[in-house]
């Protein structure tokens, strides 16, 4: 059979494959069976008459052309982490840019994946399997665009790739004693925002990017809530703010520039601040080792679980949406998880603290 049905995640397509002895195989994908059959008949006639130009067919589009079209048509904007996706694709362009798409086989991509595994990072270490998986995911999305939107490929060369086995995630979390030392060190920082940022992190489980993107218009002082508009999974949520955070925010608001929407705005620009240096200095002063900012998120979930939080409540608090069954609970009031923020805060500042 030279025309056959291909099942997709949503619907199906029709693929026509022409194999004639002494000629290279060619194929093309269509939305309708009639289109595939018409193309097959016409192309076979052209081949028999010697009118079909195989070289032009095989070299019609290059990887660089595909990437340019992907970006210019706005397809990249639909990616949740578009900056990371673009960085990955720019790497692939250095490796595959001049290739014609029809020459990008699964075997070639497999070799490139092995080379990427050996590629040294800026720190001098090798790329981890999880990093390589992300690079391949970005490449796969580009090829899917070529197949589904442009019809430049009949099938993605990444279609049958399996993810590399990833290393177990970090399980580092801060003890209450370490949290106290860290917050003390943050108060001593030259960065006027660091203490408030870290306090939000350890009592709400919010990600660093979510905290740094907070805007004054999304802080509800009356109800003690912060609305996080930009999240990693693309779903906005609200998180409860304990009194200590609200007190710090009010203090910062008195000295803030009303022209700047961000709560933690840069002094010299209207963009986000960089706390990397201040964070590292605070860790050094507090004597805490092997700690990343994201570990504050692990600390929150661990401590909240100890206080009795269920998986559903933790997912509501942290914004994780890994289980489809929990999508029905996206309307849960963030006040439900306020008690865990308060419990953690009481352990930090003392049981009688309000």
C-alpha atoms as a PDB file:
ATOM      1  CA  UNK A   1       0.000   0.000   0.000  1.00  0.00           C
ATOM      2  CA  UNK A   2       1.510   3.333  -1.076  1.00  0.00           C
ATOM      3  CA  UNK A   3      -1.114   5.556   0.591  1.00  0.00           C
ATOM      4  CA  UNK A   4      -1.903   4.857   4.208  1.00  0.00           C
ATOM      5  CA  UNK A   5      -3.521   6.446   7.215  1.00  0.00           C
ATOM      6  CA  UNK A   6      -1.376   7.828  10.064  1.00  0.00           C
ATOM      7  CA  UNK A   7      -2.984   8.296  13.463  1.00  0.00           C
ATOM      8  CA  UNK A   8      -2.061  11.490  15.283  1.00  0.00           C
ATOM      9  CA  UNK A   9      -2.758  12.626  18.838  1.00  0.00           C
ATOM     10  CA  UNK A  10      -5.656  14.588  17.398  1.00  0.00           C
ATOM     11  CA  UNK A  11      -7.186  13.117  14.264  1.00  0.00           C
ATOM     12  CA  UNK A  12      -5.170  11.579  11.445  1.00  0.00           C
ATOM     13  CA  UNK A  13      -3.334  12.313   8.199  1.00  0.00           C
ATOM     14  CA  UNK A  14      -2.640  10.446   4.956  1.00  0.00           C
ATOM     15  CA  UNK A  15       0.876   9.618   3.853  1.00  0.00           C
ATOM     16  CA  UNK A  16       1.780   8.789   0.265  1.00  0.00           C
ATOM     17  CA  UNK A  17       5.029   6.890  -0.335  1.00  0.00           C
ATOM     18  CA  UNK A  18       6.441   6.233  -3.786  1.00  0.00           C
ATOM     19  CA  UNK A  19       9.042   3.485  -4.195  1.00  0.00           C
ATOM     20  CA  UNK A  20      10.235   2.811  -7.726  1.00  0.00           C
ATOM     21  CA  UNK A  21      13.214   0.579  -8.457  1.00  0.00           C
ATOM     22  CA  UNK A  22      16.445   2.483  -9.180  1.00  0.00           C
ATOM     23  CA  UNK A  23      14.956   5.707  -7.786  1.00  0.00           C
ATOM     24  CA  UNK A  24      15.154   7.042  -4.210  1.00  0.00           C
ATOM     25  CA  UNK A  25      11.898   6.759  -2.234  1.00  0.00           C
ATOM     26  CA  UNK A  26       9.884   9.945  -1.782  1.00  0.00           C
ATOM     27  CA  UNK A  27       6.904  10.686   0.420  1.00  0.00           C
ATOM     28  CA  UNK A  28       4.505  13.409   1.414  1.00  0.00           C
ATOM     29  CA  UNK A  29       1.718  13.844   3.971  1.00  0.00           C
ATOM     30  CA  UNK A  30      -1.771  15.214   3.318  1.00  0.00           C
ATOM     31  CA  UNK A  31      -4.911  15.937   5.304  1.00  0.00           C
ATOM     32  CA  UNK A  32      -7.169  14.092   2.871  1.00  0.00           C
ATOM     33  CA  UNK A  33      -6.801  10.675   1.245  1.00  0.00           C
ATOM     34  CA  UNK A  34      -7.863  12.003  -2.168  1.00  0.00           C
ATOM     35  CA  UNK A  35      -5.063  14.573  -2.127  1.00  0.00           C
ATOM     36  CA  UNK A  36      -2.501  11.888  -1.281  1.00  0.00           C
ATOM     37  CA  UNK A  37      -3.724   9.637  -4.090  1.00  0.00           C
ATOM     38  CA  UNK A  38      -3.733  12.474  -6.644  1.00  0.00           C
ATOM     39  CA  UNK A  39      -0.198  13.504  -5.673  1.00  0.00           C
ATOM     40  CA  UNK A  40       0.991   9.907  -5.911  1.00  0.00           C
ATOM     41  CA  UNK A  41      -0.459   9.402  -9.421  1.00  0.00           C
ATOM     42  CA  UNK A  42       0.861  12.699 -10.764  1.00  0.00           C
ATOM     43  CA  UNK A  43       4.314  12.224  -9.268  1.00  0.00           C
ATOM     44  CA  UNK A  44       4.602   8.691 -10.672  1.00  0.00           C
ATOM     45  CA  UNK A  45       3.734  10.038 -14.121  1.00  0.00           C
ATOM     46  CA  UNK A  46       6.425  12.721 -13.801  1.00  0.00           C
ATOM     47  CA  UNK A  47       9.015  10.128 -12.721  1.00  0.00           C
ATOM     48  CA  UNK A  48       8.236   7.833 -15.660  1.00  0.00           C
ATOM     49  CA  UNK A  49       8.500  10.761 -18.086  1.00  0.00           C
ATOM     50  CA  UNK A  50      11.766  11.875 -16.504  1.00  0.00           C
ATOM     51  CA  UNK A  51      10.258  15.211 -15.478  1.00  0.00           C
ATOM     52  CA  UNK A  52      10.493  14.814 -11.701  1.00  0.00           C
ATOM     53  CA  UNK A  53      13.545  16.616 -10.270  1.00  0.00           C
ATOM     54  CA  UNK A  54      14.724  14.495  -7.343  1.00  0.00           C
ATOM     55  CA  UNK A  55      17.561  16.862  -6.419  1.00  0.00           C
ATOM     56  CA  UNK A  56      15.217  19.827  -6.068  1.00  0.00           C
ATOM     57  CA  UNK A  57      12.738  17.745  -4.103  1.00  0.00           C
ATOM     58  CA  UNK A  58      15.342  16.455  -1.674  1.00  0.00           C
ATOM     59  CA  UNK A  59      16.961  19.851  -1.121  1.00  0.00           C
ATOM     60  CA  UNK A  60      13.909  22.044  -1.013  1.00  0.00           C
ATOM     61  CA  UNK A  61      14.208  23.260   2.583  1.00  0.00           C
ATOM     62  CA  UNK A  62      17.058  23.455   5.085  1.00  0.00           C
ATOM     63  CA  UNK A  63      17.039  23.325   8.855  1.00  0.00           C
ATOM     64  CA  UNK A  64      17.880  27.052   9.012  1.00  0.00           C
ATOM     65  CA  UNK A  65      14.923  27.859   6.768  1.00  0.00           C
ATOM     66  CA  UNK A  66      12.644  25.868   9.030  1.00  0.00           C
ATOM     67  CA  UNK A  67      13.928  27.630  12.148  1.00  0.00           C
ATOM     68  CA  UNK A  68      13.492  31.052  10.537  1.00  0.00           C
ATOM     69  CA  UNK A  69       9.912  30.185   9.598  1.00  0.00           C
ATOM     70  CA  UNK A  70       9.237  28.781  13.088  1.00  0.00           C
ATOM     71  CA  UNK A  71      10.334  32.045  14.706  1.00  0.00           C
ATOM     72  CA  UNK A  72       8.875  34.497  12.176  1.00  0.00           C
ATOM     73  CA  UNK A  73       5.447  32.825  12.221  1.00  0.00           C
ATOM     74  CA  UNK A  74       5.205  33.195  15.998  1.00  0.00           C
ATOM     75  CA  UNK A  75       5.179  29.461  16.748  1.00  0.00           C
ATOM     76  CA  UNK A  76       7.882  29.960  19.364  1.00  0.00           C
ATOM     77  CA  UNK A  77       5.674  32.320  21.379  1.00  0.00           C
ATOM     78  CA  UNK A  78       3.334  29.455  22.258  1.00  0.00           C
ATOM     79  CA  UNK A  79       6.100  27.678  24.173  1.00  0.00           C
ATOM     80  CA  UNK A  80       5.949  28.058  27.936  1.00  0.00           C
ATOM     81  CA  UNK A  81       9.729  28.513  28.210  1.00  0.00           C
ATOM     82  CA  UNK A  82      10.343  30.219  24.894  1.00  0.00           C
ATOM     83  CA  UNK A  83      13.754  31.587  25.905  1.00  0.00           C
ATOM     84  CA  UNK A  84      15.034  28.126  26.750  1.00  0.00           C
ATOM     85  CA  UNK A  85      13.508  26.664  23.592  1.00  0.00           C
ATOM     86  CA  UNK A  86      15.189  29.327  21.462  1.00  0.00           C
ATOM     87  CA  UNK A  87      18.531  28.689  23.164  1.00  0.00           C
ATOM     88  CA  UNK A  88      18.208  24.969  22.439  1.00  0.00           C
ATOM     89  CA  UNK A  89      17.263  25.553  18.802  1.00  0.00           C
ATOM     90  CA  UNK A  90      20.123  27.981  18.286  1.00  0.00           C
ATOM     91  CA  UNK A  91      22.468  25.207  19.390  1.00  0.00           C
ATOM     92  CA  UNK A  92      20.854  22.784  16.944  1.00  0.00           C
ATOM     93  CA  UNK A  93      21.257  25.333  14.163  1.00  0.00           C
ATOM     94  CA  UNK A  94      25.018  25.358  14.739  1.00  0.00           C
ATOM     95  CA  UNK A  95      24.957  21.592  14.263  1.00  0.00           C
ATOM     96  CA  UNK A  96      22.273  21.098  11.609  1.00  0.00           C
ATOM     97  CA  UNK A  97      21.682  24.497  10.013  1.00  0.00           C
ATOM     98  CA  UNK A  98      22.973  23.665   6.538  1.00  0.00           C
ATOM     99  CA  UNK A  99      21.317  20.260   6.296  1.00  0.00           C
ATOM    100  CA  UNK A 100      18.363  19.741   3.988  1.00  0.00           C
ATOM    101  CA  UNK A 101      15.455  18.503   6.086  1.00  0.00           C
ATOM    102  CA  UNK A 102      15.156  15.261   4.137  1.00  0.00           C
ATOM    103  CA  UNK A 103      18.720  14.409   5.151  1.00  0.00           C
ATOM    104  CA  UNK A 104      17.995  14.751   8.862  1.00  0.00           C
ATOM    105  CA  UNK A 105      17.464  11.106   9.707  1.00  0.00           C
ATOM    106  CA  UNK A 106      16.845   9.473  13.054  1.00  0.00           C
ATOM    107  CA  UNK A 107      20.337   7.995  12.867  1.00  0.00           C
ATOM    108  CA  UNK A 108      21.895  11.435  12.470  1.00  0.00           C
ATOM    109  CA  UNK A 109      19.893  12.904  15.363  1.00  0.00           C
ATOM    110  CA  UNK A 110      20.892   9.923  17.527  1.00  0.00           C
ATOM    111  CA  UNK A 111      24.580  10.632  16.840  1.00  0.00           C
ATOM    112  CA  UNK A 112      24.084  14.303  17.640  1.00  0.00           C
ATOM    113  CA  UNK A 113      22.411  13.365  20.904  1.00  0.00           C
ATOM    114  CA  UNK A 114      25.453  11.330  21.911  1.00  0.00           C
ATOM    115  CA  UNK A 115      27.718  14.272  21.073  1.00  0.00           C
ATOM    116  CA  UNK A 116      25.517  16.557  23.161  1.00  0.00           C
ATOM    117  CA  UNK A 117      25.867  14.205  26.128  1.00  0.00           C
ATOM    118  CA  UNK A 118      29.635  14.691  25.904  1.00  0.00           C
ATOM    119  CA  UNK A 119      29.399  18.450  25.374  1.00  0.00           C
ATOM    120  CA  UNK A 120      31.025  20.318  28.284  1.00  0.00           C
ATOM    121  CA  UNK A 121      28.957  22.876  30.157  1.00  0.00           C
ATOM    122  CA  UNK A 122      30.309  26.314  31.174  1.00  0.00           C
ATOM    123  CA  UNK A 123      31.267  24.677  34.495  1.00  0.00           C
ATOM    124  CA  UNK A 124      33.371  22.081  32.681  1.00  0.00           C
ATOM    125  CA  UNK A 125      31.037  19.169  33.414  1.00  0.00           C
ATOM    126  CA  UNK A 126      29.135  17.025  30.912  1.00  0.00           C
ATOM    127  CA  UNK A 127      25.512  17.682  30.002  1.00  0.00           C
ATOM    128  CA  UNK A 128      23.099  15.692  32.159  1.00  0.00           C
ATOM    129  CA  UNK A 129      20.521  13.346  30.596  1.00  0.00           C
ATOM    130  CA  UNK A 130      17.747  15.713  31.719  1.00  0.00           C
ATOM    131  CA  UNK A 131      19.399  18.614  29.886  1.00  0.00           C
ATOM    132  CA  UNK A 132      19.766  16.532  26.727  1.00  0.00           C
ATOM    133  CA  UNK A 133      16.117  15.503  26.975  1.00  0.00           C
ATOM    134  CA  UNK A 134      15.106  19.158  27.027  1.00  0.00           C
ATOM    135  CA  UNK A 135      17.253  19.933  23.979  1.00  0.00           C
ATOM    136  CA  UNK A 136      15.648  17.002  22.136  1.00  0.00           C
ATOM    137  CA  UNK A 137      12.161  18.133  23.181  1.00  0.00           C
ATOM    138  CA  UNK A 138      12.777  21.555  21.626  1.00  0.00           C
ATOM    139  CA  UNK A 139      14.096  19.952  18.449  1.00  0.00           C
ATOM    140  CA  UNK A 140      11.112  17.613  18.317  1.00  0.00           C
ATOM    141  CA  UNK A 141       8.686  20.539  18.582  1.00  0.00           C
ATOM    142  CA  UNK A 142      10.410  22.188  15.616  1.00  0.00           C
ATOM    143  CA  UNK A 143      10.129  19.045  13.483  1.00  0.00           C
ATOM    144  CA  UNK A 144       6.477  18.633  14.517  1.00  0.00           C
ATOM    145  CA  UNK A 145       5.867  22.149  13.230  1.00  0.00           C
ATOM    146  CA  UNK A 146       7.503  21.171   9.927  1.00  0.00           C
ATOM    147  CA  UNK A 147       5.248  18.098   9.672  1.00  0.00           C
ATOM    148  CA  UNK A 148       1.891  19.458  10.860  1.00  0.00           C
ATOM    149  CA  UNK A 149       1.969  23.114   9.901  1.00  0.00           C
ATOM    150  CA  UNK A 150       4.277  23.402   6.895  1.00  0.00           C
ATOM    151  CA  UNK A 151       4.058  19.880   5.445  1.00  0.00           C
ATOM    152  CA  UNK A 152       7.806  20.102   4.744  1.00  0.00           C
ATOM    153  CA  UNK A 153       8.373  16.679   6.317  1.00  0.00           C
ATOM    154  CA  UNK A 154       6.258  13.578   6.248  1.00  0.00           C
ATOM    155  CA  UNK A 155       7.484  12.393   9.642  1.00  0.00           C
ATOM    156  CA  UNK A 156       9.605  13.821  12.426  1.00  0.00           C
ATOM    157  CA  UNK A 157      13.026  12.158  12.782  1.00  0.00           C
ATOM    158  CA  UNK A 158      12.523  12.472  16.565  1.00  0.00           C
ATOM    159  CA  UNK A 159       9.204  10.623  16.525  1.00  0.00           C
ATOM    160  CA  UNK A 160      10.425   7.316  17.938  1.00  0.00           C
ATOM    161  CA  UNK A 161      13.066   8.635  20.336  1.00  0.00           C
ATOM    162  CA  UNK A 162      12.761   7.631  23.962  1.00  0.00           C
ATOM    163  CA  UNK A 163      13.845   9.945  26.740  1.00  0.00           C
ATOM    164  CA  UNK A 164      17.187   9.264  28.344  1.00  0.00           C
ATOM    165  CA  UNK A 165      16.969   8.006  31.902  1.00  0.00           C
ATOM    166  CA  UNK A 166      17.357  11.027  34.128  1.00  0.00           C
ATOM    167  CA  UNK A 167      19.227  11.223  37.388  1.00  0.00           C
ATOM    168  CA  UNK A 168      17.144  11.362  40.580  1.00  0.00           C
ATOM    169  CA  UNK A 169      16.145  14.890  41.525  1.00  0.00           C
ATOM    170  CA  UNK A 170      17.696  16.768  44.425  1.00  0.00           C
ATOM    171  CA  UNK A 171      16.178  16.071  47.822  1.00  0.00           C
ATOM    172  CA  UNK A 172      18.017  18.844  49.687  1.00  0.00           C
ATOM    173  CA  UNK A 173      15.843  20.829  52.038  1.00  0.00           C
ATOM    174  CA  UNK A 174      16.603  23.306  54.794  1.00  0.00           C
ATOM    175  CA  UNK A 175      15.984  22.525  58.442  1.00  0.00           C
ATOM    176  CA  UNK A 176      14.281  25.161  60.577  1.00  0.00           C
ATOM    177  CA  UNK A 177      17.634  25.890  62.191  1.00  0.00           C
ATOM    178  CA  UNK A 178      19.175  26.495  58.762  1.00  0.00           C
ATOM    179  CA  UNK A 179      16.224  28.650  57.694  1.00  0.00           C
ATOM    180  CA  UNK A 180      16.718  30.871  60.740  1.00  0.00           C
ATOM    181  CA  UNK A 181      20.443  31.233  60.027  1.00  0.00           C
ATOM    182  CA  UNK A 182      19.701  31.993  56.380  1.00  0.00           C
ATOM    183  CA  UNK A 183      17.077  34.640  57.147  1.00  0.00           C
ATOM    184  CA  UNK A 184      19.441  36.297  59.627  1.00  0.00           C
ATOM    185  CA  UNK A 185      22.121  36.410  56.957  1.00  0.00           C
ATOM    186  CA  UNK A 186      19.615  37.814  54.441  1.00  0.00           C
ATOM    187  CA  UNK A 187      18.797  40.669  56.814  1.00  0.00           C
ATOM    188  CA  UNK A 188      22.492  41.558  56.798  1.00  0.00           C
ATOM    189  CA  UNK A 189      22.617  41.652  53.007  1.00  0.00           C
ATOM    190  CA  UNK A 190      23.285  44.864  51.080  1.00  0.00           C
ATOM    191  CA  UNK A 191      20.368  43.825  48.862  1.00  0.00           C
ATOM    192  CA  UNK A 192      17.271  45.396  50.496  1.00  0.00           C
ATOM    193  CA  UNK A 193      14.969  42.800  48.908  1.00  0.00           C
ATOM    194  CA  UNK A 194      16.732  39.553  49.743  1.00  0.00           C
ATOM    195  CA  UNK A 195      15.180  38.956  53.167  1.00  0.00           C
ATOM    196  CA  UNK A 196      11.625  39.425  51.886  1.00  0.00           C
ATOM    197  CA  UNK A 197      12.268  37.289  48.799  1.00  0.00           C
ATOM    198  CA  UNK A 198      13.651  34.374  50.800  1.00  0.00           C
ATOM    199  CA  UNK A 199      10.913  34.700  53.437  1.00  0.00           C
ATOM    200  CA  UNK A 200       8.292  34.405  50.692  1.00  0.00           C
ATOM    201  CA  UNK A 201      10.105  31.378  49.268  1.00  0.00           C
ATOM    202  CA  UNK A 202      10.333  29.372  52.506  1.00  0.00           C
ATOM    203  CA  UNK A 203       6.765  30.127  53.613  1.00  0.00           C
ATOM    204  CA  UNK A 204       4.910  29.732  50.287  1.00  0.00           C
ATOM    205  CA  UNK A 205       7.039  27.454  48.095  1.00  0.00           C
ATOM    206  CA  UNK A 206       6.941  29.978  45.249  1.00  0.00           C
ATOM    207  CA  UNK A 207       9.661  29.743  42.597  1.00  0.00           C
ATOM    208  CA  UNK A 208      12.341  32.415  42.351  1.00  0.00           C
ATOM    209  CA  UNK A 209      11.050  33.612  38.968  1.00  0.00           C
ATOM    210  CA  UNK A 210       7.499  33.841  40.293  1.00  0.00           C
ATOM    211  CA  UNK A 211       8.626  35.956  43.230  1.00  0.00           C
ATOM    212  CA  UNK A 212      10.808  38.280  41.161  1.00  0.00           C
ATOM    213  CA  UNK A 213       7.924  38.813  38.718  1.00  0.00           C
ATOM    214  CA  UNK A 214       5.472  39.923  41.428  1.00  0.00           C
ATOM    215  CA  UNK A 215       3.804  43.272  40.731  1.00  0.00           C
ATOM    216  CA  UNK A 216       2.347  45.658  43.277  1.00  0.00           C
ATOM    217  CA  UNK A 217      -1.062  45.578  41.599  1.00  0.00           C
ATOM    218  CA  UNK A 218      -1.276  41.836  42.339  1.00  0.00           C
ATOM    219  CA  UNK A 219      -0.602  42.146  46.079  1.00  0.00           C
ATOM    220  CA  UNK A 220      -3.863  42.000  48.048  1.00  0.00           C
ATOM    221  CA  UNK A 221      -2.922  43.412  51.449  1.00  0.00           C
ATOM    222  CA  UNK A 222      -6.476  43.239  52.753  1.00  0.00           C
ATOM    223  CA  UNK A 223      -6.816  39.483  52.207  1.00  0.00           C
ATOM    224  CA  UNK A 224      -3.129  38.671  52.563  1.00  0.00           C
ATOM    225  CA  UNK A 225      -2.724  37.194  49.081  1.00  0.00           C
ATOM    226  CA  UNK A 226      -0.324  37.522  46.175  1.00  0.00           C
ATOM    227  CA  UNK A 227      -1.509  36.753  42.665  1.00  0.00           C
ATOM    228  CA  UNK A 228       1.185  35.025  40.616  1.00  0.00           C
ATOM    229  CA  UNK A 229       0.409  35.736  36.988  1.00  0.00           C
ATOM    230  CA  UNK A 230       3.409  34.064  35.323  1.00  0.00           C
ATOM    231  CA  UNK A 231       4.054  30.474  36.400  1.00  0.00           C
ATOM    232  CA  UNK A 232       6.154  27.676  34.976  1.00  0.00           C
ATOM    233  CA  UNK A 233       3.138  25.612  33.972  1.00  0.00           C
ATOM    234  CA  UNK A 234       1.281  28.608  32.558  1.00  0.00           C
ATOM    235  CA  UNK A 235      -1.517  28.559  35.132  1.00  0.00           C
ATOM    236  CA  UNK A 236      -1.804  31.638  37.361  1.00  0.00           C
ATOM    237  CA  UNK A 237      -2.470  31.081  41.055  1.00  0.00           C
ATOM    238  CA  UNK A 238      -2.733  32.938  44.347  1.00  0.00           C
ATOM    239  CA  UNK A 239      -0.568  32.278  47.387  1.00  0.00           C
ATOM    240  CA  UNK A 240      -1.194  33.330  50.996  1.00  0.00           C
ATOM    241  CA  UNK A 241       1.136  35.902  52.545  1.00  0.00           C
ATOM    242  CA  UNK A 242       1.882  35.535  56.273  1.00  0.00           C
ATOM    243  CA  UNK A 243       1.877  38.736  58.414  1.00  0.00           C
ATOM    244  CA  UNK A 244       5.686  38.910  58.435  1.00  0.00           C
ATOM    245  CA  UNK A 245       5.737  39.079  54.641  1.00  0.00           C
ATOM    246  CA  UNK A 246       2.977  41.697  54.501  1.00  0.00           C
ATOM    247  CA  UNK A 247       4.908  43.806  56.995  1.00  0.00           C
ATOM    248  CA  UNK A 248       8.045  43.624  54.844  1.00  0.00           C
ATOM    249  CA  UNK A 249       6.082  44.410  51.685  1.00  0.00           C
ATOM    250  CA  UNK A 250       4.495  47.482  53.258  1.00  0.00           C
ATOM    251  CA  UNK A 251       7.940  48.665  54.321  1.00  0.00           C
ATOM    252  CA  UNK A 252       9.271  48.230  50.796  1.00  0.00           C
ATOM    253  CA  UNK A 253       6.228  49.910  49.269  1.00  0.00           C
ATOM    254  CA  UNK A 254       6.921  53.119  51.190  1.00  0.00           C
ATOM    255  CA  UNK A 255      10.284  53.486  49.429  1.00  0.00           C
ATOM    256  CA  UNK A 256       9.322  52.038  46.047  1.00  0.00           C
ATOM    257  CA  UNK A 257       9.246  53.976  42.787  1.00  0.00           C
ATOM    258  CA  UNK A 258       5.554  54.293  41.796  1.00  0.00           C
ATOM    259  CA  UNK A 259       6.574  54.204  38.122  1.00  0.00           C
ATOM    260  CA  UNK A 260       7.939  50.677  38.496  1.00  0.00           C
ATOM    261  CA  UNK A 261       5.338  47.876  38.556  1.00  0.00           C
ATOM    262  CA  UNK A 262       7.599  45.173  40.011  1.00  0.00           C
ATOM    263  CA  UNK A 263       7.702  44.693  43.768  1.00  0.00           C
ATOM    264  CA  UNK A 264      11.399  43.860  43.609  1.00  0.00           C
ATOM    265  CA  UNK A 265      12.387  46.339  40.913  1.00  0.00           C
ATOM    266  CA  UNK A 266      15.923  47.092  39.850  1.00  0.00           C
ATOM    267  CA  UNK A 267      17.267  50.458  40.977  1.00  0.00           C
ATOM    268  CA  UNK A 268      18.781  51.300  37.614  1.00  0.00           C
ATOM    269  CA  UNK A 269      16.235  49.786  35.223  1.00  0.00           C
ATOM    270  CA  UNK A 270      12.651  48.674  34.952  1.00  0.00           C
ATOM    271  CA  UNK A 271      13.514  44.984  34.695  1.00  0.00           C
ATOM    272  CA  UNK A 272      13.973  42.228  37.256  1.00  0.00           C
ATOM    273  CA  UNK A 273      16.825  42.206  39.755  1.00  0.00           C
ATOM    274  CA  UNK A 274      19.535  39.566  39.923  1.00  0.00           C
ATOM    275  CA  UNK A 275      19.932  38.113  43.428  1.00  0.00           C
ATOM    276  CA  UNK A 276      22.557  35.491  42.577  1.00  0.00           C
ATOM    277  CA  UNK A 277      25.475  37.315  44.220  1.00  0.00           C
ATOM    278  CA  UNK A 278      23.477  38.378  47.293  1.00  0.00           C
ATOM    279  CA  UNK A 279      22.121  34.826  47.684  1.00  0.00           C
ATOM    280  CA  UNK A 280      25.584  33.261  47.550  1.00  0.00           C
ATOM    281  CA  UNK A 281      26.927  35.774  50.076  1.00  0.00           C
ATOM    282  CA  UNK A 282      24.019  35.019  52.439  1.00  0.00           C
ATOM    283  CA  UNK A 283      24.728  31.282  52.190  1.00  0.00           C
ATOM    284  CA  UNK A 284      28.373  31.903  52.991  1.00  0.00           C
ATOM    285  CA  UNK A 285      27.560  34.084  56.020  1.00  0.00           C
ATOM    286  CA  UNK A 286      25.093  31.519  57.344  1.00  0.00           C
ATOM    287  CA  UNK A 287      27.484  28.612  56.828  1.00  0.00           C
ATOM    288  CA  UNK A 288      24.956  26.696  54.722  1.00  0.00           C
ATOM    289  CA  UNK A 289      26.443  24.443  52.043  1.00  0.00           C
ATOM    290  CA  UNK A 290      25.059  22.577  49.030  1.00  0.00           C
ATOM    291  CA  UNK A 291      21.992  24.782  48.752  1.00  0.00           C
ATOM    292  CA  UNK A 292      20.288  26.292  45.723  1.00  0.00           C
ATOM    293  CA  UNK A 293      17.460  28.788  45.799  1.00  0.00           C
ATOM    294  CA  UNK A 294      15.084  26.165  44.419  1.00  0.00           C
ATOM    295  CA  UNK A 295      15.772  24.087  47.538  1.00  0.00           C
ATOM    296  CA  UNK A 296      13.585  26.555  49.456  1.00  0.00           C
ATOM    297  CA  UNK A 297      10.696  25.118  47.445  1.00  0.00           C
ATOM    298  CA  UNK A 298      11.643  21.598  48.540  1.00  0.00           C
ATOM    299  CA  UNK A 299      11.887  22.916  52.093  1.00  0.00           C
ATOM    300  CA  UNK A 300       8.375  24.331  51.971  1.00  0.00           C
ATOM    301  CA  UNK A 301       6.791  21.140  50.622  1.00  0.00           C
ATOM    302  CA  UNK A 302       8.688  18.984  53.114  1.00  0.00           C
ATOM    303  CA  UNK A 303       7.776  21.156  56.084  1.00  0.00           C
ATOM    304  CA  UNK A 304       4.154  21.560  54.977  1.00  0.00           C
ATOM    305  CA  UNK A 305       3.856  17.786  54.567  1.00  0.00           C
ATOM    306  CA  UNK A 306       5.113  17.383  58.131  1.00  0.00           C
ATOM    307  CA  UNK A 307       2.344  19.735  59.231  1.00  0.00           C
ATOM    308  CA  UNK A 308      -0.202  17.419  57.622  1.00  0.00           C
ATOM    309  CA  UNK A 309      -0.664  18.842  54.114  1.00  0.00           C
ATOM    310  CA  UNK A 310      -2.100  16.365  51.615  1.00  0.00           C
ATOM    311  CA  UNK A 311      -0.728  15.962  48.081  1.00  0.00           C
ATOM    312  CA  UNK A 312      -3.725  17.837  46.713  1.00  0.00           C
ATOM    313  CA  UNK A 313      -3.180  20.741  49.103  1.00  0.00           C
ATOM    314  CA  UNK A 314       0.523  20.860  48.265  1.00  0.00           C
ATOM    315  CA  UNK A 315      -0.234  20.976  44.565  1.00  0.00           C
ATOM    316  CA  UNK A 316      -2.658  23.816  45.189  1.00  0.00           C
ATOM    317  CA  UNK A 317      -0.015  25.706  47.154  1.00  0.00           C
ATOM    318  CA  UNK A 318       2.938  25.168  44.821  1.00  0.00           C
ATOM    319  CA  UNK A 319       1.112  25.190  41.495  1.00  0.00           C
ATOM    320  CA  UNK A 320       2.143  21.687  40.419  1.00  0.00           C
ATOM    321  CA  UNK A 321      -0.286  20.229  37.879  1.00  0.00           C
ATOM    322  CA  UNK A 322       1.232  16.845  37.147  1.00  0.00           C
ATOM    323  CA  UNK A 323      -1.923  14.799  37.783  1.00  0.00           C
ATOM    324  CA  UNK A 324      -4.775  15.413  35.371  1.00  0.00           C
ATOM    325  CA  UNK A 325      -7.286  14.238  37.962  1.00  0.00           C
ATOM    326  CA  UNK A 326      -6.478  17.310  40.063  1.00  0.00           C
ATOM    327  CA  UNK A 327      -7.376  19.757  37.306  1.00  0.00           C
ATOM    328  CA  UNK A 328     -10.950  19.813  38.622  1.00  0.00           C
ATOM    329  CA  UNK A 329      -9.639  21.322  41.854  1.00  0.00           C
ATOM    330  CA  UNK A 330      -7.975  24.382  40.290  1.00  0.00           C
ATOM    331  CA  UNK A 331     -10.694  26.519  41.898  1.00  0.00           C
ATOM    332  CA  UNK A 332      -9.517  25.649  45.412  1.00  0.00           C
ATOM    333  CA  UNK A 333      -9.223  28.734  47.595  1.00  0.00           C
ATOM    334  CA  UNK A 334      -5.573  29.490  48.490  1.00  0.00           C
ATOM    335  CA  UNK A 335      -6.827  30.200  52.016  1.00  0.00           C
ATOM    336  CA  UNK A 336      -6.875  26.409  52.442  1.00  0.00           C
ATOM    337  CA  UNK A 337      -3.083  26.315  52.467  1.00  0.00           C
ATOM    338  CA  UNK A 338      -2.646  29.433  54.593  1.00  0.00           C
ATOM    339  CA  UNK A 339      -2.485  27.301  57.745  1.00  0.00           C
ATOM    340  CA  UNK A 340       0.661  25.575  56.476  1.00  0.00           C
ATOM    341  CA  UNK A 341       2.376  28.881  55.745  1.00  0.00           C
ATOM    342  CA  UNK A 342       1.463  30.014  59.257  1.00  0.00           C
ATOM    343  CA  UNK A 343       2.675  26.771  60.810  1.00  0.00           C
ATOM    344  CA  UNK A 344       6.038  27.050  59.061  1.00  0.00           C
ATOM    345  CA  UNK A 345       6.281  30.708  60.027  1.00  0.00           C
ATOM    346  CA  UNK A 346       5.565  29.861  63.683  1.00  0.00           C
ATOM    347  CA  UNK A 347       8.400  27.324  63.673  1.00  0.00           C
ATOM    348  CA  UNK A 348      10.739  30.000  62.299  1.00  0.00           C
ATOM    349  CA  UNK A 349       9.716  32.926  64.501  1.00  0.00           C
ATOM    350  CA  UNK A 350       8.184  31.150  67.486  1.00  0.00           C
ATOM    351  CA  UNK A 351       4.805  29.665  68.354  1.00  0.00           C
ATOM    352  CA  UNK A 352       3.432  32.858  69.951  1.00  0.00           C
ATOM    353  CA  UNK A 353       4.306  35.028  66.960  1.00  0.00           C
ATOM    354  CA  UNK A 354       1.335  36.527  65.093  1.00  0.00           C
END
